[in-house]
Amino acid sequence: MSAVEAASKRKSWSHAATLLDRLTSDLDVLASASGDANELLTYVQDEWSALRKKLESRGIKAIDGERAACEKVVAAAADAHEKGDLEACLSSLGQADEIMEKLRRRV
């Protein structure tokens, strides 16, 4: 944004407009990625909620190592998404998926 301001102060209007267009485009890409991450996070949270109920009914309690690990990475994904750290969010969601797959085999 400071580059846009600097160009406008120099009265380099076309350059400022180009920089502003790039900034707008970058923000659109980021908003789209954030929306996709949010959709994936919601899906994983819903899947985790359903799986947690199955685990509970099978006697796999919250003190189970894999179950606790999954709870932790799902929470980390939500926290990272809330902070806008999409890379960390997606990484945590990937970890959650792996752990959930292991837990599904146990049910």
PDB file of N, CA and C in Angstrom:
ATOM      1  N   MET A   1       0.829  -1.188   0.000  1.00  0.00           N
ATOM      2  CA  MET A   1       0.000   0.000   0.000  1.00  0.00           C
ATOM      3  C   MET A   1       0.873   1.251   0.000  1.00  0.00           C
ATOM      4  N   SER A   2       2.011   1.213   0.681  1.00  0.00           N
ATOM      5  CA  SER A   2       2.873   2.386   0.719  1.00  0.00           C
ATOM      6  C   SER A   2       3.430   2.716  -0.667  1.00  0.00           C
ATOM      7  N   ALA A   3       3.622   1.691  -1.514  1.00  0.00           N
ATOM      8  CA  ALA A   3       4.095   1.934  -2.881  1.00  0.00           C
ATOM      9  C   ALA A   3       3.046   2.701  -3.671  1.00  0.00           C
ATOM     10  N   VAL A   4       1.777   2.393  -3.443  1.00  0.00           N
ATOM     11  CA  VAL A   4       0.685   3.113  -4.120  1.00  0.00           C
ATOM     12  C   VAL A   4       0.679   4.561  -3.655  1.00  0.00           C
ATOM     13  N   GLU A   5       0.824   4.775  -2.369  1.00  0.00           N
ATOM     14  CA  GLU A   5       0.849   6.134  -1.827  1.00  0.00           C
ATOM     15  C   GLU A   5       2.032   6.921  -2.366  1.00  0.00           C
ATOM     16  N   ALA A   6       3.195   6.273  -2.402  1.00  0.00           N
ATOM     17  CA  ALA A   6       4.397   6.949  -2.902  1.00  0.00           C
ATOM     18  C   ALA A   6       4.224   7.347  -4.368  1.00  0.00           C
ATOM     19  N   ALA A   7       3.660   6.445  -5.168  1.00  0.00           N
ATOM     20  CA  ALA A   7       3.444   6.750  -6.589  1.00  0.00           C
ATOM     21  C   ALA A   7       2.442   7.880  -6.755  1.00  0.00           C
ATOM     22  N   SER A   8       1.423   7.914  -5.914  1.00  0.00           N
ATOM     23  CA  SER A   8       0.434   8.986  -6.027  1.00  0.00           C
ATOM     24  C   SER A   8       1.022  10.323  -5.586  1.00  0.00           C
ATOM     25  N   LYS A   9       1.904  10.311  -4.601  1.00  0.00           N
ATOM     26  CA  LYS A   9       2.544  11.554  -4.166  1.00  0.00           C
ATOM     27  C   LYS A   9       3.467  12.102  -5.250  1.00  0.00           C
ATOM     28  N   ARG A  10       4.072  11.173  -6.026  1.00  0.00           N
ATOM     29  CA  ARG A  10       4.922  11.597  -7.150  1.00  0.00           C
ATOM     30  C   ARG A  10       4.087  11.963  -8.380  1.00  0.00           C
ATOM     31  N   LYS A  11       2.779  11.803  -8.242  1.00  0.00           N
ATOM     32  CA  LYS A  11       1.819  12.056  -9.319  1.00  0.00           C
ATOM     33  C   LYS A  11       2.055  11.136 -10.509  1.00  0.00           C
ATOM     34  N   SER A  12       2.515   9.929 -10.206  1.00  0.00           N
ATOM     35  CA  SER A  12       2.658   8.876 -11.218  1.00  0.00           C
ATOM     36  C   SER A  12       1.360   8.072 -11.196  1.00  0.00           C
ATOM     37  N   TRP A  13       0.306   8.694 -11.751  1.00  0.00           N
ATOM     38  CA  TRP A  13      -1.035   8.155 -11.625  1.00  0.00           C
ATOM     39  C   TRP A  13      -1.194   6.773 -12.270  1.00  0.00           C
ATOM     40  N   SER A  14      -0.635   6.592 -13.426  1.00  0.00           N
ATOM     41  CA  SER A  14      -0.805   5.292 -14.087  1.00  0.00           C
ATOM     42  C   SER A  14      -0.054   4.197 -13.316  1.00  0.00           C
ATOM     43  N   HIS A  15       1.109   4.525 -12.795  1.00  0.00           N
ATOM     44  CA  HIS A  15       1.858   3.552 -12.000  1.00  0.00           C
ATOM     45  C   HIS A  15       1.106   3.240 -10.713  1.00  0.00           C
ATOM     46  N   ALA A  16       0.547   4.245 -10.069  1.00  0.00           N
ATOM     47  CA  ALA A  16      -0.230   4.043  -8.840  1.00  0.00           C
ATOM     48  C   ALA A  16      -1.459   3.187  -9.138  1.00  0.00           C
ATOM     49  N   ALA A  17      -2.086   3.434 -10.259  1.00  0.00           N
ATOM     50  CA  ALA A  17      -3.263   2.647 -10.636  1.00  0.00           C
ATOM     51  C   ALA A  17      -2.886   1.183 -10.874  1.00  0.00           C
ATOM     52  N   THR A  18      -1.752   0.956 -11.525  1.00  0.00           N
ATOM     53  CA  THR A  18      -1.288  -0.406 -11.769  1.00  0.00           C
ATOM     54  C   THR A  18      -0.998  -1.118 -10.453  1.00  0.00           C
ATOM     55  N   LEU A  19      -0.321  -0.428  -9.537  1.00  0.00           N
ATOM     56  CA  LEU A  19      -0.028  -1.010  -8.232  1.00  0.00           C
ATOM     57  C   LEU A  19      -1.300  -1.310  -7.452  1.00  0.00           C
ATOM     58  N   LEU A  20      -2.267  -0.405  -7.556  1.00  0.00           N
ATOM     59  CA  LEU A  20      -3.533  -0.601  -6.863  1.00  0.00           C
ATOM     60  C   LEU A  20      -4.295  -1.791  -7.459  1.00  0.00           C
ATOM     61  N   ASP A  21      -4.243  -1.948  -8.776  1.00  0.00           N
ATOM     62  CA  ASP A  21      -4.870  -3.104  -9.423  1.00  0.00           C
ATOM     63  C   ASP A  21      -4.234  -4.407  -8.942  1.00  0.00           C
ATOM     64  N   ARG A  22      -2.900  -4.412  -8.838  1.00  0.00           N
ATOM     65  CA  ARG A  22      -2.207  -5.609  -8.350  1.00  0.00           C
ATOM     66  C   ARG A  22      -2.601  -5.927  -6.914  1.00  0.00           C
ATOM     67  N   LEU A  23      -2.687  -4.894  -6.098  1.00  0.00           N
ATOM     68  CA  LEU A  23      -3.070  -5.071  -4.709  1.00  0.00           C
ATOM     69  C   LEU A  23      -4.485  -5.638  -4.616  1.00  0.00           C
ATOM     70  N   THR A  24      -5.382  -5.098  -5.413  1.00  0.00           N
ATOM     71  CA  THR A  24      -6.762  -5.571  -5.423  1.00  0.00           C
ATOM     72  C   THR A  24      -6.829  -7.035  -5.862  1.00  0.00           C
ATOM     73  N   SER A  25      -6.063  -7.363  -6.876  1.00  0.00           N
ATOM     74  CA  SER A  25      -6.019  -8.744  -7.364  1.00  0.00           C
ATOM     75  C   SER A  25      -5.474  -9.687  -6.291  1.00  0.00           C
ATOM     76  N   ASP A  26      -4.408  -9.278  -5.621  1.00  0.00           N
ATOM     77  CA  ASP A  26      -3.830 -10.093  -4.546  1.00  0.00           C
ATOM     78  C   ASP A  26      -4.830 -10.304  -3.413  1.00  0.00           C
ATOM     79  N   LEU A  27      -5.581  -9.252  -3.090  1.00  0.00           N
ATOM     80  CA  LEU A  27      -6.583  -9.364  -2.028  1.00  0.00           C
ATOM     81  C   LEU A  27      -7.718 -10.297  -2.439  1.00  0.00           C
ATOM     82  N   ASP A  28      -8.106 -10.268  -3.711  1.00  0.00           N
ATOM     83  CA  ASP A  28      -9.136 -11.180  -4.205  1.00  0.00           C
ATOM     84  C   ASP A  28      -8.683 -12.632  -4.088  1.00  0.00           C
ATOM     85  N   VAL A  29      -7.426 -12.892  -4.459  1.00  0.00           N
ATOM     86  CA  VAL A  29      -6.876 -14.238  -4.362  1.00  0.00           C
ATOM     87  C   VAL A  29      -6.847 -14.688  -2.896  1.00  0.00           C
ATOM     88  N   LEU A  30      -6.426 -13.804  -2.019  1.00  0.00           N
ATOM     89  CA  LEU A  30      -6.365 -14.126  -0.601  1.00  0.00           C
ATOM     90  C   LEU A  30      -7.755 -14.397  -0.034  1.00  0.00           C
ATOM     91  N   ALA A  31      -8.729 -13.599  -0.425  1.00  0.00           N
ATOM     92  CA  ALA A  31     -10.099 -13.799   0.048  1.00  0.00           C
ATOM     93  C   ALA A  31     -10.643 -15.141  -0.433  1.00  0.00           C
ATOM     94  N   SER A  32     -10.348 -15.492  -1.654  1.00  0.00           N
ATOM     95  CA  SER A  32     -10.792 -16.777  -2.193  1.00  0.00           C
ATOM     96  C   SER A  32     -10.132 -17.935  -1.447  1.00  0.00           C
ATOM     97  N   ALA A  33      -8.837 -17.831  -1.218  1.00  0.00           N
ATOM     98  CA  ALA A  33      -8.114 -18.877  -0.490  1.00  0.00           C
ATOM     99  C   ALA A  33      -8.636 -19.000   0.939  1.00  0.00           C
ATOM    100  N   SER A  34      -8.934 -17.876   1.555  1.00  0.00           N
ATOM    101  CA  SER A  34      -9.467 -17.889   2.912  1.00  0.00           C
ATOM    102  C   SER A  34     -10.840 -18.559   2.941  1.00  0.00           C
ATOM    103  N   GLY A  35     -11.661 -18.274   1.948  1.00  0.00           N
ATOM    104  CA  GLY A  35     -12.973 -18.905   1.861  1.00  0.00           C
ATOM    105  C   GLY A  35     -12.858 -20.411   1.677  1.00  0.00           C
ATOM    106  N   ASP A  36     -11.934 -20.829   0.819  1.00  0.00           N
ATOM    107  CA  ASP A  36     -11.712 -22.261   0.601  1.00  0.00           C
ATOM    108  C   ASP A  36     -11.231 -22.933   1.883  1.00  0.00           C
ATOM    109  N   ALA A  37     -10.304 -22.284   2.573  1.00  0.00           N
ATOM    110  CA  ALA A  37      -9.791 -22.840   3.826  1.00  0.00           C
ATOM    111  C   ALA A  37     -10.906 -22.923   4.872  1.00  0.00           C
ATOM    112  N   ASN A  38     -11.757 -21.923   4.906  1.00  0.00           N
ATOM    113  CA  ASN A  38     -12.870 -21.915   5.850  1.00  0.00           C
ATOM    114  C   ASN A  38     -13.830 -23.066   5.554  1.00  0.00           C
ATOM    115  N   GLU A  39     -14.107 -23.285   4.270  1.00  0.00           N
ATOM    116  CA  GLU A  39     -14.989 -24.382   3.878  1.00  0.00           C
ATOM    117  C   GLU A  39     -14.391 -25.733   4.283  1.00  0.00           C
ATOM    118  N   LEU A  40     -13.105 -25.903   4.048  1.00  0.00           N
ATOM    119  CA  LEU A  40     -12.423 -27.144   4.412  1.00  0.00           C
ATOM    120  C   LEU A  40     -12.388 -27.314   5.927  1.00  0.00           C
ATOM    121  N   LEU A  41     -12.141 -26.232   6.639  1.00  0.00           N
ATOM    122  CA  LEU A  41     -12.132 -26.282   8.102  1.00  0.00           C
ATOM    123  C   LEU A  41     -13.495 -26.700   8.635  1.00  0.00           C
ATOM    124  N   THR A  42     -14.543 -26.135   8.102  1.00  0.00           N
ATOM    125  CA  THR A  42     -15.893 -26.483   8.541  1.00  0.00           C
ATOM    126  C   THR A  42     -16.173 -27.965   8.284  1.00  0.00           C
ATOM    127  N   TYR A  43     -15.759 -28.439   7.115  1.00  0.00           N
ATOM    128  CA  TYR A  43     -15.947 -29.849   6.785  1.00  0.00           C
ATOM    129  C   TYR A  43     -15.207 -30.752   7.775  1.00  0.00           C
ATOM    130  N   VAL A  44     -13.948 -30.439   8.040  1.00  0.00           N
ATOM    131  CA  VAL A  44     -13.149 -31.260   8.960  1.00  0.00           C
ATOM    132  C   VAL A  44     -13.740 -31.204  10.367  1.00  0.00           C
ATOM    133  N   GLN A  45     -14.185 -30.035  10.790  1.00  0.00           N
ATOM    134  CA  GLN A  45     -14.784 -29.920  12.126  1.00  0.00           C
ATOM    135  C   GLN A  45     -16.050 -30.767  12.222  1.00  0.00           C
ATOM    136  N   ASP A  46     -16.867 -30.760  11.168  1.00  0.00           N
ATOM    137  CA  ASP A  46     -18.081 -31.576  11.164  1.00  0.00           C
ATOM    138  C   ASP A  46     -17.746 -33.068  11.187  1.00  0.00           C
ATOM    139  N   GLU A  47     -16.761 -33.461  10.378  1.00  0.00           N
ATOM    140  CA  GLU A  47     -16.326 -34.859  10.351  1.00  0.00           C
ATOM    141  C   GLU A  47     -15.770 -35.279  11.706  1.00  0.00           C
ATOM    142  N   TRP A  48     -15.003 -34.396  12.319  1.00  0.00           N
ATOM    143  CA  TRP A  48     -14.418 -34.699  13.618  1.00  0.00           C
ATOM    144  C   TRP A  48     -15.509 -34.857  14.676  1.00  0.00           C
ATOM    145  N   SER A  49     -16.502 -34.010  14.620  1.00  0.00           N
ATOM    146  CA  SER A  49     -17.600 -34.092  15.577  1.00  0.00           C
ATOM    147  C   SER A  49     -18.315 -35.443  15.469  1.00  0.00           C
ATOM    148  N   ALA A  50     -18.588 -35.870  14.235  1.00  0.00           N
ATOM    149  CA  ALA A  50     -19.257 -37.154  14.023  1.00  0.00           C
ATOM    150  C   ALA A  50     -18.365 -38.307  14.459  1.00  0.00           C
ATOM    151  N   LEU A  51     -17.090 -38.232  14.134  1.00  0.00           N
ATOM    152  CA  LEU A  51     -16.159 -39.301  14.499  1.00  0.00           C
ATOM    153  C   LEU A  51     -15.969 -39.367  16.013  1.00  0.00           C
ATOM    154  N   ARG A  52     -15.944 -38.217  16.646  1.00  0.00           N
ATOM    155  CA  ARG A  52     -15.783 -38.175  18.104  1.00  0.00           C
ATOM    156  C   ARG A  52     -16.929 -38.926  18.801  1.00  0.00           C
ATOM    157  N   LYS A  53     -18.140 -38.758  18.275  1.00  0.00           N
ATOM    158  CA  LYS A  53     -19.294 -39.474  18.847  1.00  0.00           C
ATOM    159  C   LYS A  53     -19.124 -40.981  18.685  1.00  0.00           C
ATOM    160  N   LYS A  54     -18.654 -41.413  17.521  1.00  0.00           N
ATOM    161  CA  LYS A  54     -18.428 -42.842  17.289  1.00  0.00           C
ATOM    162  C   LYS A  54     -17.344 -43.375  18.216  1.00  0.00           C
ATOM    163  N   LEU A  55     -16.287 -42.582  18.387  1.00  0.00           N
ATOM    164  CA  LEU A  55     -15.199 -43.003  19.274  1.00  0.00           C
ATOM    165  C   LEU A  55     -15.707 -43.165  20.700  1.00  0.00           C
ATOM    166  N   GLU A  56     -16.497 -42.213  21.128  1.00  0.00           N
ATOM    167  CA  GLU A  56     -17.045 -42.248  22.486  1.00  0.00           C
ATOM    168  C   GLU A  56     -17.900 -43.493  22.682  1.00  0.00           C
ATOM    169  N   SER A  57     -18.731 -43.804  21.688  1.00  0.00           N
ATOM    170  CA  SER A  57     -19.606 -44.968  21.809  1.00  0.00           C
ATOM    171  C   SER A  57     -18.816 -46.281  21.803  1.00  0.00           C
ATOM    172  N   ARG A  58     -17.624 -46.265  21.223  1.00  0.00           N
ATOM    173  CA  ARG A  58     -16.772 -47.464  21.194  1.00  0.00           C
ATOM    174  C   ARG A  58     -15.818 -47.519  22.387  1.00  0.00           C
ATOM    175  N   GLY A  59     -15.945 -46.569  23.291  1.00  0.00           N
ATOM    176  CA  GLY A  59     -15.126 -46.585  24.496  1.00  0.00           C
ATOM    177  C   GLY A  59     -13.750 -45.948  24.333  1.00  0.00           C
ATOM    178  N   ILE A  60     -13.543 -45.248  23.225  1.00  0.00           N
ATOM    179  CA  ILE A  60     -12.263 -44.555  23.015  1.00  0.00           C
ATOM    180  C   ILE A  60     -12.436 -43.143  23.571  1.00  0.00           C
ATOM    181  N   LYS A  61     -11.917 -42.949  24.748  1.00  0.00           N
ATOM    182  CA  LYS A  61     -12.145 -41.710  25.497  1.00  0.00           C
ATOM    183  C   LYS A  61     -11.172 -40.604  25.085  1.00  0.00           C
ATOM    184  N   ALA A  62     -11.409 -39.427  25.625  1.00  0.00           N
ATOM    185  CA  ALA A  62     -10.608 -38.245  25.302  1.00  0.00           C
ATOM    186  C   ALA A  62      -9.150 -38.384  25.727  1.00  0.00           C
ATOM    187  N   ILE A  63      -8.859 -39.285  26.629  1.00  0.00           N
ATOM    188  CA  ILE A  63      -7.470 -39.457  27.076  1.00  0.00           C
ATOM    189  C   ILE A  63      -6.646 -40.288  26.091  1.00  0.00           C
ATOM    190  N   ASP A  64      -7.307 -40.886  25.094  1.00  0.00           N
ATOM    191  CA  ASP A  64      -6.601 -41.650  24.067  1.00  0.00           C
ATOM    192  C   ASP A  64      -5.644 -40.723  23.322  1.00  0.00           C
ATOM    193  N   GLY A  65      -4.428 -41.182  23.086  1.00  0.00           N
ATOM    194  CA  GLY A  65      -3.398 -40.348  22.463  1.00  0.00           C
ATOM    195  C   GLY A  65      -3.765 -39.823  21.089  1.00  0.00           C
ATOM    196  N   GLU A  66      -4.258 -40.695  20.215  1.00  0.00           N
ATOM    197  CA  GLU A  66      -4.620 -40.252  18.864  1.00  0.00           C
ATOM    198  C   GLU A  66      -5.809 -39.308  18.887  1.00  0.00           C
ATOM    199  N   ARG A  67      -6.770 -39.614  19.734  1.00  0.00           N
ATOM    200  CA  ARG A  67      -7.945 -38.745  19.823  1.00  0.00           C
ATOM    201  C   ARG A  67      -7.550 -37.356  20.337  1.00  0.00           C
ATOM    202  N   ALA A  68      -6.708 -37.323  21.346  1.00  0.00           N
ATOM    203  CA  ALA A  68      -6.251 -36.043  21.890  1.00  0.00           C
ATOM    204  C   ALA A  68      -5.438 -35.271  20.851  1.00  0.00           C
ATOM    205  N   ALA A  69      -4.623 -35.999  20.084  1.00  0.00           N
ATOM    206  CA  ALA A  69      -3.812 -35.345  19.049  1.00  0.00           C
ATOM    207  C   ALA A  69      -4.703 -34.737  17.975  1.00  0.00           C
ATOM    208  N   CYS A  70      -5.744 -35.458  17.617  1.00  0.00           N
ATOM    209  CA  CYS A  70      -6.656 -34.934  16.596  1.00  0.00           C
ATOM    210  C   CYS A  70      -7.384 -33.695  17.104  1.00  0.00           C
ATOM    211  N   GLU A  71      -7.840 -33.765  18.328  1.00  0.00           N
ATOM    212  CA  GLU A  71      -8.517 -32.606  18.933  1.00  0.00           C
ATOM    213  C   GLU A  71      -7.601 -31.384  18.898  1.00  0.00           C
ATOM    214  N   LYS A  72      -6.335 -31.626  19.192  1.00  0.00           N
ATOM    215  CA  LYS A  72      -5.358 -30.538  19.239  1.00  0.00           C
ATOM    216  C   LYS A  72      -5.129 -29.918  17.853  1.00  0.00           C
ATOM    217  N   VAL A  73      -4.972 -30.749  16.820  1.00  0.00           N
ATOM    218  CA  VAL A  73      -4.685 -30.186  15.497  1.00  0.00           C
ATOM    219  C   VAL A  73      -5.918 -29.542  14.869  1.00  0.00           C
ATOM    220  N   VAL A  74      -7.111 -30.051  15.179  1.00  0.00           N
ATOM    221  CA  VAL A  74      -8.331 -29.399  14.689  1.00  0.00           C
ATOM    222  C   VAL A  74      -8.456 -28.009  15.330  1.00  0.00           C
ATOM    223  N   ALA A  75      -8.170 -27.934  16.613  1.00  0.00           N
ATOM    224  CA  ALA A  75      -8.201 -26.633  17.300  1.00  0.00           C
ATOM    225  C   ALA A  75      -7.117 -25.700  16.757  1.00  0.00           C
ATOM    226  N   ALA A  76      -5.944 -26.258  16.466  1.00  0.00           N
ATOM    227  CA  ALA A  76      -4.861 -25.440  15.902  1.00  0.00           C
ATOM    228  C   ALA A  76      -5.238 -24.908  14.526  1.00  0.00           C
ATOM    229  N   ALA A  77      -5.928 -25.727  13.737  1.00  0.00           N
ATOM    230  CA  ALA A  77      -6.377 -25.279  12.416  1.00  0.00           C
ATOM    231  C   ALA A  77      -7.359 -24.115  12.540  1.00  0.00           C
ATOM    232  N   ALA A  78      -8.293 -24.244  13.460  1.00  0.00           N
ATOM    233  CA  ALA A  78      -9.276 -23.177  13.671  1.00  0.00           C
ATOM    234  C   ALA A  78      -8.595 -21.896  14.143  1.00  0.00           C
ATOM    235  N   ASP A  79      -7.644 -22.049  15.044  1.00  0.00           N
ATOM    236  CA  ASP A  79      -6.912 -20.891  15.566  1.00  0.00           C
ATOM    237  C   ASP A  79      -6.099 -20.211  14.454  1.00  0.00           C
ATOM    238  N   ALA A  80      -5.421 -21.019  13.647  1.00  0.00           N
ATOM    239  CA  ALA A  80      -4.618 -20.463  12.555  1.00  0.00           C
ATOM    240  C   ALA A  80      -5.506 -19.751  11.538  1.00  0.00           C
ATOM    241  N   HIS A  81      -6.661 -20.334  11.256  1.00  0.00           N
ATOM    242  CA  HIS A  81      -7.576 -19.689  10.300  1.00  0.00           C
ATOM    243  C   HIS A  81      -8.075 -18.359  10.855  1.00  0.00           C
ATOM    244  N   GLU A  82      -8.388 -18.351  12.126  1.00  0.00           N
ATOM    245  CA  GLU A  82      -8.861 -17.123  12.770  1.00  0.00           C
ATOM    246  C   GLU A  82      -7.805 -16.018  12.700  1.00  0.00           C
ATOM    247  N   LYS A  83      -6.540 -16.418  12.799  1.00  0.00           N
ATOM    248  CA  LYS A  83      -5.433 -15.458  12.735  1.00  0.00           C
ATOM    249  C   LYS A  83      -5.053 -15.102  11.300  1.00  0.00           C
ATOM    250  N   GLY A  84      -5.641 -15.791  10.329  1.00  0.00           N
ATOM    251  CA  GLY A  84      -5.331 -15.509   8.931  1.00  0.00           C
ATOM    252  C   GLY A  84      -4.108 -16.244   8.407  1.00  0.00           C
ATOM    253  N   ASP A  85      -3.600 -17.200   9.160  1.00  0.00           N
ATOM    254  CA  ASP A  85      -2.437 -17.977   8.741  1.00  0.00           C
ATOM    255  C   ASP A  85      -2.932 -19.209   7.982  1.00  0.00           C
ATOM    256  N   LEU A  86      -3.206 -19.015   6.695  1.00  0.00           N
ATOM    257  CA  LEU A  86      -3.808 -20.073   5.898  1.00  0.00           C
ATOM    258  C   LEU A  86      -2.878 -21.265   5.726  1.00  0.00           C
ATOM    259  N   GLU A  87      -1.597 -21.014   5.614  1.00  0.00           N
ATOM    260  CA  GLU A  87      -0.640 -22.112   5.450  1.00  0.00           C
ATOM    261  C   GLU A  87      -0.653 -23.031   6.675  1.00  0.00           C
ATOM    262  N   ALA A  88      -0.625 -22.452   7.853  1.00  0.00           N
ATOM    263  CA  ALA A  88      -0.668 -23.245   9.085  1.00  0.00           C
ATOM    264  C   ALA A  88      -2.018 -23.945   9.227  1.00  0.00           C
ATOM    265  N   CYS A  89      -3.075 -23.269   8.835  1.00  0.00           N
ATOM    266  CA  CYS A  89      -4.417 -23.854   8.894  1.00  0.00           C
ATOM    267  C   CYS A  89      -4.479 -25.109   8.032  1.00  0.00           C
ATOM    268  N   LEU A  90      -4.036 -24.989   6.788  1.00  0.00           N
ATOM    269  CA  LEU A  90      -4.089 -26.127   5.873  1.00  0.00           C
ATOM    270  C   LEU A  90      -3.174 -27.261   6.321  1.00  0.00           C
ATOM    271  N   SER A  91      -2.043 -26.909   6.872  1.00  0.00           N
ATOM    272  CA  SER A  91      -1.127 -27.924   7.389  1.00  0.00           C
ATOM    273  C   SER A  91      -1.782 -28.704   8.527  1.00  0.00           C
ATOM    274  N   SER A  92      -2.414 -27.990   9.440  1.00  0.00           N
ATOM    275  CA  SER A  92      -3.094 -28.643  10.564  1.00  0.00           C
ATOM    276  C   SER A  92      -4.262 -29.494  10.076  1.00  0.00           C
ATOM    277  N   LEU A  93      -4.973 -29.015   9.056  1.00  0.00           N
ATOM    278  CA  LEU A  93      -6.083 -29.798   8.520  1.00  0.00           C
ATOM    279  C   LEU A  93      -5.584 -31.094   7.889  1.00  0.00           C
ATOM    280  N   GLY A  94      -4.443 -31.033   7.249  1.00  0.00           N
ATOM    281  CA  GLY A  94      -3.843 -32.239   6.679  1.00  0.00           C
ATOM    282  C   GLY A  94      -3.483 -33.236   7.763  1.00  0.00           C
ATOM    283  N   GLN A  95      -2.912 -32.731   8.851  1.00  0.00           N
ATOM    284  CA  GLN A  95      -2.569 -33.604   9.985  1.00  0.00           C
ATOM    285  C   GLN A  95      -3.830 -34.214  10.589  1.00  0.00           C
ATOM    286  N   ALA A  96      -4.863 -33.384  10.712  1.00  0.00           N
ATOM    287  CA  ALA A  96      -6.128 -33.869  11.279  1.00  0.00           C
ATOM    288  C   ALA A  96      -6.701 -34.983  10.410  1.00  0.00           C
ATOM    289  N   ASP A  97      -6.632 -34.815   9.110  1.00  0.00           N
ATOM    290  CA  ASP A  97      -7.150 -35.831   8.202  1.00  0.00           C
ATOM    291  C   ASP A  97      -6.422 -37.156   8.387  1.00  0.00           C
ATOM    292  N   GLU A  98      -5.111 -37.097   8.519  1.00  0.00           N
ATOM    293  CA  GLU A  98      -4.320 -38.321   8.724  1.00  0.00           C
ATOM    294  C   GLU A  98      -4.705 -39.021  10.027  1.00  0.00           C
ATOM    295  N   ILE A  99      -4.818 -38.261  11.084  1.00  0.00           N
ATOM    296  CA  ILE A  99      -5.151 -38.844  12.383  1.00  0.00           C
ATOM    297  C   ILE A  99      -6.579 -39.385  12.377  1.00  0.00           C
ATOM    298  N   MET A 100      -7.492 -38.643  11.757  1.00  0.00           N
ATOM    299  CA  MET A 100      -8.877 -39.092  11.692  1.00  0.00           C
ATOM    300  C   MET A 100      -8.983 -40.415  10.924  1.00  0.00           C
ATOM    301  N   GLU A 101      -8.189 -40.563   9.888  1.00  0.00           N
ATOM    302  CA  GLU A 101      -8.195 -41.817   9.119  1.00  0.00           C
ATOM    303  C   GLU A 101      -7.751 -42.985  10.007  1.00  0.00           C
ATOM    304  N   LYS A 102      -6.727 -42.766  10.804  1.00  0.00           N
ATOM    305  CA  LYS A 102      -6.279 -43.809  11.740  1.00  0.00           C
ATOM    306  C   LYS A 102      -7.377 -44.149  12.745  1.00  0.00           C
ATOM    307  N   LEU A 103      -8.034 -43.097  13.235  1.00  0.00           N
ATOM    308  CA  LEU A 103      -9.102 -43.320  14.218  1.00  0.00           C
ATOM    309  C   LEU A 103     -10.305 -44.028  13.593  1.00  0.00           C
ATOM    310  N   ARG A 104     -10.613 -43.716  12.346  1.00  0.00           N
ATOM    311  CA  ARG A 104     -11.739 -44.394  11.673  1.00  0.00           C
ATOM    312  C   ARG A 104     -11.492 -45.895  11.573  1.00  0.00           C
ATOM    313  N   ARG A 105     -10.248 -46.282  11.382  1.00  0.00           N
ATOM    314  CA  ARG A 105      -9.919 -47.708  11.302  1.00  0.00           C
ATOM    315  C   ARG A 105     -10.138 -48.419  12.632  1.00  0.00           C
ATOM    316  N   ARG A 106     -10.114 -47.666  13.705  1.00  0.00           N
ATOM    317  CA  ARG A 106     -10.291 -48.255  15.033  1.00  0.00           C
ATOM    318  C   ARG A 106     -11.759 -48.397  15.409  1.00  0.00           C
ATOM    319  N   VAL A 107     -12.639 -47.748  14.671  1.00  0.00           N
ATOM    320  CA  VAL A 107     -14.068 -47.784  15.016  1.00  0.00           C
ATOM    321  C   VAL A 107     -14.753 -48.931  14.312  1.00  0.00           C
TER     322      VAL A 107
END
